[in-house]
Protein backbone atom coordinates (compact mmCIF):
# COMPACT_ATOMS: atom_id res chain seq x y z
CA SER A 1 -5.29 12.87 -64.35
CA VAL A 2 -6.13 13.00 -60.67
CA LEU A 3 -8.61 15.71 -59.75
CA PRO A 4 -8.56 16.10 -55.95
CA HIS A 5 -11.87 17.10 -54.40
CA GLY A 6 -11.54 15.09 -51.20
CA PRO A 7 -11.44 16.12 -47.54
CA PRO A 8 -8.46 18.00 -46.10
CA ALA A 9 -5.62 16.00 -44.60
CA ALA A 10 -6.88 16.35 -41.02
CA ALA A 11 -10.34 15.14 -41.93
CA ALA A 12 -8.93 12.35 -44.04
CA ALA A 13 -6.92 10.99 -41.14
CA ALA A 14 -10.07 10.69 -39.03
CA ALA A 15 -12.27 9.25 -41.76
CA PRO A 16 -13.04 5.53 -41.86
CA ALA A 17 -10.83 3.36 -44.01
CA ALA A 18 -12.02 2.25 -47.43
CA GLY A 19 -10.60 -0.64 -49.37
CA PRO A 20 -11.50 -2.95 -52.20
CA GLY A 21 -14.40 -4.33 -50.17
CA ALA A 22 -16.07 -0.94 -49.80
CA PRO A 23 -18.10 0.22 -52.81
CA GLY A 24 -16.13 2.83 -54.69
CA GLY A 25 -13.46 3.18 -52.02
CA TYR A 26 -9.73 2.71 -52.49
CA GLY A 27 -6.50 4.01 -51.09
CA ALA A 28 -5.62 5.59 -47.77
CA PRO A 29 -8.23 6.25 -45.04
CA GLY A 30 -10.69 8.88 -46.17
CA VAL A 31 -9.61 8.70 -49.83
CA TYR A 32 -12.34 7.47 -52.18
CA LEU A 33 -11.48 6.99 -55.83
CA HIS A 34 -13.53 6.41 -58.98
CA ALA A 35 -11.74 5.18 -62.10
CA CYS A 36 -13.44 6.35 -65.29
CA SER A 37 -12.89 6.50 -69.03
CA SER A 38 -13.43 9.28 -71.54
CA TRP A 39 -12.80 9.40 -75.26
CA ASN A 40 -9.42 10.69 -76.32
CA GLN A 41 -10.80 13.37 -78.64
CA ASN A 42 -13.80 14.16 -76.44
CA PHE A 43 -12.62 14.09 -72.86
CA HIS A 44 -15.32 16.58 -71.82
CA ARG A 45 -17.50 13.90 -70.25
CA VAL A 46 -17.22 10.46 -68.72
CA TYR A 47 -18.66 7.61 -70.75
CA LYS A 48 -17.80 4.69 -68.47
CA THR A 49 -17.11 4.08 -64.80
CA LEU A 50 -14.74 1.17 -64.30
CA GLU A 51 -15.87 -1.49 -61.88
CA ASP A 52 -13.53 -2.84 -59.23
CA ARG A 53 -13.26 -6.31 -60.83
CA MET A 54 -13.58 -5.28 -64.47
CA PRO A 55 -10.74 -6.71 -66.63
CA LEU A 56 -8.58 -3.83 -67.79
CA GLN A 57 -8.55 -4.95 -71.44
CA GLU A 58 -12.37 -4.75 -71.46
CA ALA A 59 -12.50 -1.51 -69.51
CA CYS A 60 -10.10 0.66 -71.50
CA ARG A 61 -9.59 1.13 -75.19
CA GLY A 62 -6.25 2.23 -76.54
CA SER A 63 -7.70 5.61 -77.51
CA ASP A 64 -9.32 6.23 -74.11
CA ASN A 65 -8.32 8.61 -71.36
CA THR A 66 -8.38 7.00 -67.94
CA ILE A 67 -9.35 9.48 -65.24
CA ILE A 68 -9.14 8.92 -61.49
CA PHE A 69 -11.50 11.12 -59.47
CA GLN A 70 -10.93 11.56 -55.75
CA LEU A 71 -14.30 11.92 -54.02
CA GLU A 72 -15.16 13.42 -50.68
CA HIS A 73 -17.62 10.62 -49.83
CA PRO A 74 -17.56 6.85 -50.50
CA ALA A 75 -20.15 6.93 -53.26
CA PRO A 76 -20.92 3.54 -54.88
CA ASN A 77 -19.49 3.28 -58.37
CA LYS A 78 -22.01 0.81 -59.79
CA LEU A 79 -25.53 -0.49 -59.57
CA PRO A 80 -25.94 -3.44 -57.19
CA ASN A 81 -27.88 -5.55 -59.72
CA PRO A 82 -25.34 -7.62 -61.73
CA SER A 83 -27.75 -7.78 -64.67
CA VAL A 84 -27.60 -3.99 -65.12
CA SER A 85 -24.66 -2.63 -67.09
CA SER A 86 -22.35 -0.70 -64.81
CA SER A 87 -21.21 1.47 -67.71
CA ALA A 88 -24.64 3.09 -67.77
CA VAL A 89 -24.07 4.41 -64.26
CA GLY A 90 -20.74 6.00 -65.07
CA ALA A 91 -22.04 7.60 -68.25
CA ARG A 92 -25.06 9.10 -66.54
CA GLY A 93 -23.24 10.44 -63.53
CA GLY A 94 -25.29 9.12 -60.64
CA ALA A 95 -25.83 6.18 -58.34
CA ALA A 96 -29.31 4.74 -58.67
CA ALA A 97 -31.68 4.30 -55.80
CA GLY A 98 -31.08 1.08 -53.96
CA ALA A 99 -27.31 1.09 -54.52
CA GLN A 100 -25.22 -0.61 -51.89
CA THR A 101 -24.58 1.43 -48.79
CA SER A 102 -20.95 1.93 -47.87
CA SER A 103 -19.77 0.58 -44.56
CA SER A 104 -19.06 4.14 -43.44
CA ALA A 105 -22.67 5.29 -43.93
CA PRO A 106 -24.85 5.36 -40.79
CA PRO A 107 -27.36 2.50 -40.51
CA GLY A 108 -30.53 3.36 -42.40
CA ALA A 109 -28.99 6.43 -44.07
CA ALA A 110 -29.04 6.84 -47.85
CA PRO A 111 -25.62 6.22 -49.39
CA PRO A 112 -23.70 9.13 -50.91
CA LYS A 113 -24.18 9.73 -54.62
CA PHE A 114 -22.10 11.35 -57.32
CA VAL A 115 -22.69 13.63 -60.28
CA ASP A 116 -20.53 14.46 -63.28
CA VAL A 117 -19.97 18.17 -63.94
CA LEU A 118 -19.44 19.36 -67.54
CA VAL A 119 -18.26 22.73 -68.85
CA ALA A 120 -19.80 24.49 -71.88
CA VAL A 121 -18.78 27.63 -73.77
CA GLN A 122 -20.58 29.72 -76.38
CA GLY A 123 -19.79 30.67 -79.93
CA ARG A 124 -18.83 27.40 -81.66
CA ARG A 125 -21.43 25.15 -83.21
CA SER A 126 -21.27 21.53 -82.23
CA THR A 127 -23.38 18.41 -81.98
CA TYR A 128 -23.25 19.10 -78.26
CA ALA A 129 -25.55 22.13 -78.47
CA ALA A 130 -26.81 22.33 -74.92
CA TYR A 131 -29.99 24.40 -75.14
CA SER A 132 -32.24 25.18 -78.07
CA SER A 133 -33.36 28.55 -76.66
CA THR A 134 -29.85 29.99 -76.28
CA PRO A 135 -26.84 30.38 -78.60
CA ALA A 136 -25.10 27.14 -79.51
CA LEU A 137 -22.89 25.82 -76.74
CA GLN A 138 -20.00 23.40 -76.96
CA LEU A 139 -18.55 21.21 -74.25
CA ALA A 140 -15.01 22.22 -73.35
CA GLY A 141 -12.42 21.25 -70.80
CA PRO A 142 -12.32 18.06 -68.72
CA ALA A 143 -15.31 16.80 -66.78
CA PHE A 144 -15.01 16.26 -63.07
CA ARG A 145 -17.01 14.27 -60.54
CA LEU A 146 -18.46 15.35 -57.20
CA SER A 147 -19.96 13.24 -54.45
CA TYR A 148 -22.75 14.50 -52.23
CA THR A 149 -25.01 13.34 -49.41
CA THR A 150 -28.60 14.07 -48.40
CA GLU A 151 -27.29 16.98 -46.32
CA THR A 152 -25.25 18.65 -49.07
CA THR A 153 -26.80 21.93 -50.21
CA ARG A 154 -26.77 23.42 -53.67
CA ALA A 155 -24.75 26.36 -52.32
CA GLU A 156 -22.04 23.96 -51.16
CA MET A 157 -22.01 22.38 -54.59
CA HIS A 158 -21.68 25.82 -56.19
CA ALA A 159 -18.61 26.56 -54.07
CA LYS A 160 -16.97 23.45 -55.56
CA PHE A 161 -18.14 24.38 -59.05
CA ASN A 162 -16.49 27.77 -58.67
CA ALA A 163 -13.21 26.27 -57.45
CA HIS A 164 -13.13 23.99 -60.50
CA PHE A 165 -14.16 26.64 -63.03
CA MET A 166 -11.57 29.18 -61.88
CA ARG A 167 -8.82 27.18 -63.58
CA PHE A 168 -10.24 28.40 -66.92
CA VAL A 169 -10.28 32.09 -65.86
CA ARG A 170 -7.16 34.16 -66.47
CA GLU A 171 -5.21 34.79 -63.30
CA GLU A 172 -5.46 38.59 -63.56
CA ALA A 173 -9.29 38.41 -63.84
CA ARG A 174 -10.02 35.93 -61.04
CA GLU A 175 -10.67 38.58 -58.40
CA ALA A 176 -13.78 39.67 -60.33
CA TYR A 177 -15.45 36.29 -59.86
CA GLY A 178 -16.43 34.24 -56.87
CA PRO A 179 -19.40 32.46 -55.24
CA GLU A 180 -21.45 35.68 -55.34
CA ASN A 181 -20.52 36.48 -58.94
CA PRO A 182 -19.65 33.23 -60.74
CA ALA A 183 -18.37 33.14 -64.29
CA PHE A 184 -20.89 30.46 -65.19
CA GLU A 185 -24.52 29.42 -64.99
CA ALA A 186 -25.27 25.96 -63.60
CA HIS A 187 -27.87 23.77 -65.32
CA VAL A 188 -29.14 20.26 -64.64
CA THR A 189 -28.71 18.46 -67.96
CA THR A 190 -28.66 15.03 -69.51
CA SER A 191 -25.50 12.96 -69.24
CA MET A 192 -24.49 14.19 -72.71
CA GLY A 193 -24.89 17.81 -71.66
CA THR A 194 -27.24 18.27 -74.62
CA HIS A 195 -30.47 19.30 -72.92
CA SER A 196 -31.15 21.54 -69.93
CA ARG A 197 -33.83 20.23 -67.57
CA ALA A 198 -33.64 23.00 -64.98
CA SER A 199 -31.37 25.59 -63.43
CA PHE A 200 -29.26 24.72 -60.39
CA PRO A 201 -29.27 27.81 -58.15
CA ALA A 202 -26.87 28.44 -55.25
CA ASP A 203 -29.28 28.18 -52.34
CA ASP A 204 -29.66 26.12 -49.18
CA GLU A 205 -31.94 23.51 -50.70
CA PRO A 206 -30.63 19.90 -50.73
CA ALA A 207 -28.63 19.20 -53.88
CA GLY A 208 -30.15 15.77 -54.29
CA GLN A 209 -33.70 17.04 -54.82
CA SER A 210 -32.65 18.60 -58.13
CA LEU A 211 -30.69 15.64 -59.47
CA GLY A 212 -32.06 12.46 -61.00
CA PRO A 213 -30.03 9.26 -61.18
CA TYR A 214 -28.99 9.92 -64.79
CA ASP A 215 -28.38 13.68 -64.66
CA SER A 216 -25.23 15.72 -65.06
CA ILE A 217 -24.59 19.37 -64.28
CA THR A 218 -23.35 21.66 -67.05
CA LEU A 219 -21.57 24.90 -66.19
CA ALA A 220 -22.26 27.30 -69.08
CA LEU A 221 -19.83 30.20 -69.41
CA ARG A 222 -21.55 33.59 -69.06
CA PRO A 223 -21.20 35.73 -72.23
CA GLU A 224 -19.79 38.67 -70.25
CA ALA A 225 -17.01 36.43 -68.87
CA ALA A 226 -15.91 35.08 -72.25
CA GLY A 227 -13.06 37.57 -72.57
CA ASP A 228 -11.62 36.54 -69.21
CA VAL A 229 -11.24 32.86 -70.09
CA ASP A 230 -7.98 31.23 -71.15
CA GLU A 231 -9.12 28.83 -73.87
CA SER A 232 -5.83 26.95 -73.83
CA GLU A 233 -6.87 25.53 -70.47
CA TYR A 234 -9.72 23.61 -72.13
CA THR A 235 -7.35 21.19 -73.80
CA ARG A 236 -4.27 21.33 -71.57
CA LYS A 237 -3.16 17.91 -70.35
CA VAL A 238 -0.27 17.05 -68.07
CA PRO A 239 0.91 13.55 -69.05
CA HIS A 240 1.60 11.17 -66.21
CA PRO A 241 5.15 9.70 -66.26
CA SER A 242 3.65 6.24 -66.70
CA THR A 243 2.38 7.21 -70.18
CA ALA A 244 5.90 7.73 -71.54
CA PRO A 245 6.92 5.11 -74.13
CA PRO A 246 9.39 2.49 -72.90
CA ALA A 247 13.01 3.36 -73.52
CA GLY A 248 15.83 1.09 -74.58
CA GLY A 249 15.00 0.32 -78.21
CA ALA A 250 17.51 0.15 -81.01
CA ASN A 251 18.63 3.48 -82.49
CA GLY A 252 16.81 5.36 -79.75
CA LYS A 253 13.40 4.00 -80.80
CA PRO A 254 10.88 2.89 -78.16
CA ALA A 255 11.28 -0.75 -77.17
CA GLY A 256 7.53 -1.35 -77.02
CA VAL A 257 5.95 -4.23 -75.13
CA GLU A 258 8.17 -7.31 -74.95
CA LEU A 259 6.69 -10.46 -76.47
CA MET A 260 7.69 -12.44 -73.39
CA ARG A 261 5.61 -10.04 -71.32
CA CYS A 262 2.63 -11.03 -73.48
CA PHE A 263 3.29 -14.71 -72.74
CA GLU A 264 3.54 -13.94 -69.03
CA LYS A 265 0.23 -12.09 -69.07
CA PHE A 266 -1.36 -14.91 -71.08
CA THR A 267 -0.46 -17.42 -68.35
CA GLU A 268 -1.42 -15.24 -65.37
CA ARG A 269 -4.28 -16.10 -63.03
CA GLU A 270 -7.33 -13.95 -63.79
CA GLU A 271 -10.35 -13.44 -61.57
CA LEU A 272 -13.38 -12.98 -63.80
CA GLY A 273 -15.94 -10.23 -63.28
CA ALA A 274 -19.29 -10.24 -61.50
CA GLU A 275 -21.20 -10.94 -64.73
CA GLU A 276 -19.29 -14.22 -65.13
CA GLN A 277 -19.88 -15.65 -61.66
CA TRP A 278 -20.94 -19.29 -61.28
CA TYR A 279 -23.12 -20.87 -58.63
CA CYS A 280 -21.42 -23.27 -56.21
CA SER A 281 -23.83 -26.00 -55.12
CA ALA A 282 -21.70 -26.77 -52.07
CA CYS A 283 -21.56 -23.32 -50.44
CA LYS A 284 -24.80 -22.07 -52.10
CA GLN A 285 -23.17 -18.84 -53.32
CA HIS A 286 -22.24 -17.17 -56.56
CA LEU A 287 -18.46 -17.09 -56.82
CA ALA A 288 -16.04 -15.25 -59.07
CA PRO A 289 -14.17 -17.96 -61.01
CA ILE A 290 -10.41 -18.01 -61.50
CA LYS A 291 -9.18 -18.57 -65.07
CA LYS A 292 -5.62 -19.61 -65.92
CA PHE A 293 -3.87 -20.89 -69.03
CA ASP A 294 -0.64 -22.89 -69.01
CA LEU A 295 1.59 -24.06 -71.86
CA TRP A 296 2.38 -27.76 -71.44
CA ALA A 297 4.15 -28.25 -74.77
CA THR A 298 4.94 -26.21 -77.88
CA PRO A 299 5.13 -27.41 -81.52
CA ASP A 300 8.13 -27.42 -83.83
CA VAL A 301 6.54 -24.57 -85.80
CA LEU A 302 5.12 -21.99 -83.40
CA ILE A 303 2.55 -19.50 -84.75
CA VAL A 304 1.95 -16.47 -82.49
CA HIS A 305 -1.23 -14.53 -83.29
CA LEU A 306 -1.15 -11.03 -81.76
CA LYS A 307 -4.53 -9.66 -80.72
CA ARG A 308 -4.61 -6.52 -82.84
CA PHE A 309 -8.38 -5.95 -82.85
CA GLN A 310 -10.69 -5.51 -79.89
CA TYR A 311 -14.40 -5.03 -79.35
CA ILE A 312 -15.45 -3.31 -76.12
CA PRO A 313 -19.11 -2.98 -75.06
CA GLY A 314 -19.91 0.67 -74.35
CA THR A 315 -22.89 2.45 -72.92
CA TYR A 316 -24.66 2.97 -76.23
CA PHE A 317 -22.73 0.87 -78.78
CA VAL A 318 -19.78 -1.49 -79.19
CA HIS A 319 -16.42 0.20 -79.66
CA ARG A 320 -14.19 -1.42 -82.26
CA GLU A 321 -10.61 -0.47 -82.85
CA LYS A 322 -7.22 -1.74 -83.89
CA ILE A 323 -4.47 -1.98 -81.27
CA GLY A 324 -1.43 -0.29 -82.77
CA ASP A 325 1.05 -0.86 -79.95
CA LEU A 326 4.55 -1.99 -80.84
CA ILE A 327 5.26 -5.55 -79.71
CA SER A 328 9.01 -6.08 -79.51
CA PHE A 329 9.78 -9.67 -80.48
CA PRO A 330 13.16 -11.38 -80.96
CA VAL A 331 14.32 -12.46 -84.40
CA GLU A 332 16.50 -15.15 -82.87
CA GLY A 333 16.34 -16.99 -79.57
CA LEU A 334 12.73 -16.69 -78.41
CA ASP A 335 13.13 -18.57 -75.13
CA LEU A 336 9.90 -20.06 -73.77
CA THR A 337 11.54 -22.37 -71.24
CA THR A 338 10.17 -20.29 -68.38
CA VAL A 339 6.53 -20.63 -69.47
CA VAL A 340 6.41 -24.20 -70.83
CA GLN A 341 5.43 -26.63 -68.08
CA GLY A 342 5.94 -29.98 -69.84
CA PRO A 343 8.92 -32.38 -69.92
CA HIS A 344 10.52 -30.78 -72.99
CA ALA A 345 10.64 -27.20 -71.73
CA GLU A 346 14.40 -27.00 -72.30
CA ASP A 347 13.78 -27.40 -76.05
CA ALA A 348 11.41 -24.41 -76.27
CA VAL A 349 13.81 -22.02 -78.01
CA TYR A 350 12.73 -20.60 -81.37
CA ASP A 351 13.97 -18.50 -84.29
CA LEU A 352 11.73 -16.29 -86.43
CA PHE A 353 11.29 -17.17 -90.12
CA ALA A 354 8.20 -15.15 -91.22
CA VAL A 355 5.86 -12.32 -90.20
CA SER A 356 2.40 -11.49 -91.53
CA GLU A 357 1.70 -7.75 -91.34
CA HIS A 358 -1.46 -5.66 -91.35
CA SER A 359 -1.65 -1.93 -91.98
CA GLY A 360 -4.79 0.17 -91.76
CA GLY A 361 -7.78 -0.22 -89.47
CA LEU A 362 -11.07 -2.10 -89.12
CA GLY A 363 -12.71 -0.27 -91.99
CA GLY A 364 -10.02 -1.26 -94.45
CA GLY A 365 -6.43 -2.37 -94.53
CA HIS A 366 -3.67 -4.14 -96.40
CA TYR A 367 -1.72 -7.32 -95.71
CA THR A 368 1.99 -7.68 -96.40
CA ALA A 369 4.59 -10.19 -95.27
CA MET A 370 8.27 -10.70 -94.55
CA ALA A 371 9.92 -14.12 -94.70
CA GLN A 372 13.32 -15.79 -94.71
CA ASN A 373 14.45 -17.92 -97.64
CA PRO A 374 15.57 -21.23 -96.07
CA ARG A 375 18.22 -21.76 -98.75
CA ASN A 376 20.17 -18.51 -98.84
CA ARG A 377 19.01 -17.39 -95.33
CA LYS A 378 18.13 -13.93 -96.69
CA TRP A 379 14.97 -12.01 -95.75
CA TYR A 380 12.46 -10.69 -98.28
CA ALA A 381 9.50 -8.31 -98.10
CA PHE A 382 6.32 -9.31 -99.99
CA ASN A 383 3.80 -6.64 -101.00
CA ASP A 384 1.29 -8.00 -103.53
CA SER A 385 3.39 -8.79 -106.63
CA HIS A 386 6.40 -6.79 -105.45
CA VAL A 387 9.24 -8.63 -103.69
CA SER A 388 12.37 -6.93 -102.33
CA GLU A 389 15.29 -7.98 -100.17
CA THR A 390 15.29 -6.67 -96.59
CA VAL A 391 16.62 -7.47 -93.13
CA ALA A 392 14.84 -9.30 -90.32
CA GLU A 393 14.97 -6.35 -87.90
CA ARG A 394 12.58 -4.39 -90.14
CA ALA A 395 9.83 -6.88 -89.27
CA VAL A 396 9.61 -5.52 -85.71
CA THR A 397 6.96 -2.84 -86.29
CA PRO A 398 3.40 -2.13 -85.08
CA ARG A 399 2.22 -3.77 -88.32
CA ALA A 400 3.30 -7.24 -87.15
CA TYR A 401 0.18 -9.38 -86.80
CA VAL A 402 1.13 -13.08 -86.99
CA LEU A 403 4.63 -14.35 -86.10
CA PHE A 404 6.06 -17.64 -87.38
CA TYR A 405 8.83 -19.32 -85.39
CA LYS A 406 10.54 -22.69 -85.77
CA ARG A 407 12.18 -24.66 -83.03
CA ARG A 408 15.94 -24.32 -82.84
CA GLY A 409 17.80 -27.64 -83.06
CA ALA A 410 16.25 -31.08 -83.39
CA ALA A 411 12.51 -31.57 -83.70
CA VAL A 412 10.60 -32.78 -80.65
CA ARG A 413 8.37 -35.68 -81.59
CA TRP A 414 4.70 -34.96 -80.98
CA ALA A 415 5.80 -31.73 -79.28
CA GLY A 416 6.60 -33.80 -76.21
CA MET A 417 3.06 -35.14 -75.87
CA GLN A 418 2.01 -38.80 -76.09
CA PRO A 419 -0.50 -39.56 -78.91
CA LEU A 420 -3.49 -41.78 -78.27
CA ALA A 421 -2.81 -44.05 -81.27
CA GLN A 422 -1.79 -47.60 -80.34
CA ASN A 423 0.04 -48.56 -83.53
CA LEU A 424 2.70 -45.86 -83.82
CA ASP A 425 5.11 -48.28 -85.54
CA GLU A 426 2.58 -48.91 -88.31
CA MET A 427 2.01 -45.18 -88.73
CA ASP A 428 5.78 -44.55 -89.00
CA ALA A 429 6.15 -47.34 -91.55
CA ALA A 430 3.30 -45.98 -93.64
CA ALA A 431 4.82 -42.51 -93.58
CA ALA A 432 8.21 -43.87 -94.67
CA ALA A 433 6.57 -45.73 -97.55
CA GLY A 434 5.02 -42.47 -98.70
CA ASN A 435 1.49 -43.78 -99.06
CA GLY A 436 0.08 -40.72 -97.25
CA SER A 437 -1.93 -42.69 -94.72
CA ALA A 438 -0.12 -41.26 -91.69
């Protein structure tokens, strides 16, 4: 979802350009974006702000929503100290004092900051009860993010709150509400929206004097406006076309992610994040290292282990989950000639002969297998003590965990690599004699 709260087109054209080098700034001139994550079932607040150089597989879980906020000002999206977790900034909705100043900020001026705005409604009990002195409130609808400067007033912030909140009000009732008569009450709360620290009135006082570095603002629906709210808007999502499953699979089924695409990603150059920088004694600077894997040679029996489980550090705990994406792999003719760099690359063509499967999650699961009988060339499914005949195409499912391939054609001695042993003839003779010393 892209929630536009940036300057109008005329102002954007005159604004200074922001790029990857500017903290929190990306895109066209005057367009400042923050990439964030929220939980799939609880998208009412942001729990992580994604850093510019953060690897995507560490930043996003499969069950996350990725939200792109367009800000009016180039607010930094992380703390400048590499030893401080950047996810804490995104979860708490503010840039801490001492954050890097954007290149567009005047010399000596404080950099813009941002705050996450949550929405709460009454009448349904939840662990997200916002205030102990009022009826139980529950977070609802998507969060959004606003940037502000030292000159931004609370009244200006309220005007933006009202524009955002009106999407939840029924169209026929919108004329009854406005900046003078909002449908909500604004409170300064914790990042979880669970405790109100103070009210946030619509006056001409600077907005920043009411907001701490780890505060959010919660807009609580007024009881008298409850009948004018369209509750279906709280959970309405408009999927981006990029989220559609890949087409082209057999029998109209999604094709999933191609296994060759996994090999290509495995061998890509990767620039590591700021927390993994190393010190160069020559230039006296901390540099972001480049990591790259290459395949020089492949064995006669190739075992492909799919990464089905991931552990992602969060703000308060480590998220663990199973990756259930479908990996589409060939039963015959896995061609690795384009990724093998050694002298026997032309021999890197493989056929599948077994698959180890896992169903379930991290808390509990079950292992099954499918394998081909080398004598009658038939495929069988193995589930504990039960064995049944099947076909190889049924192995291509999200349960596939470990794939077993064998090289097509003649074996390649030592997988094309030269062993260090000096007496290869003696080793071959011993193997032929069957004394087991090879």
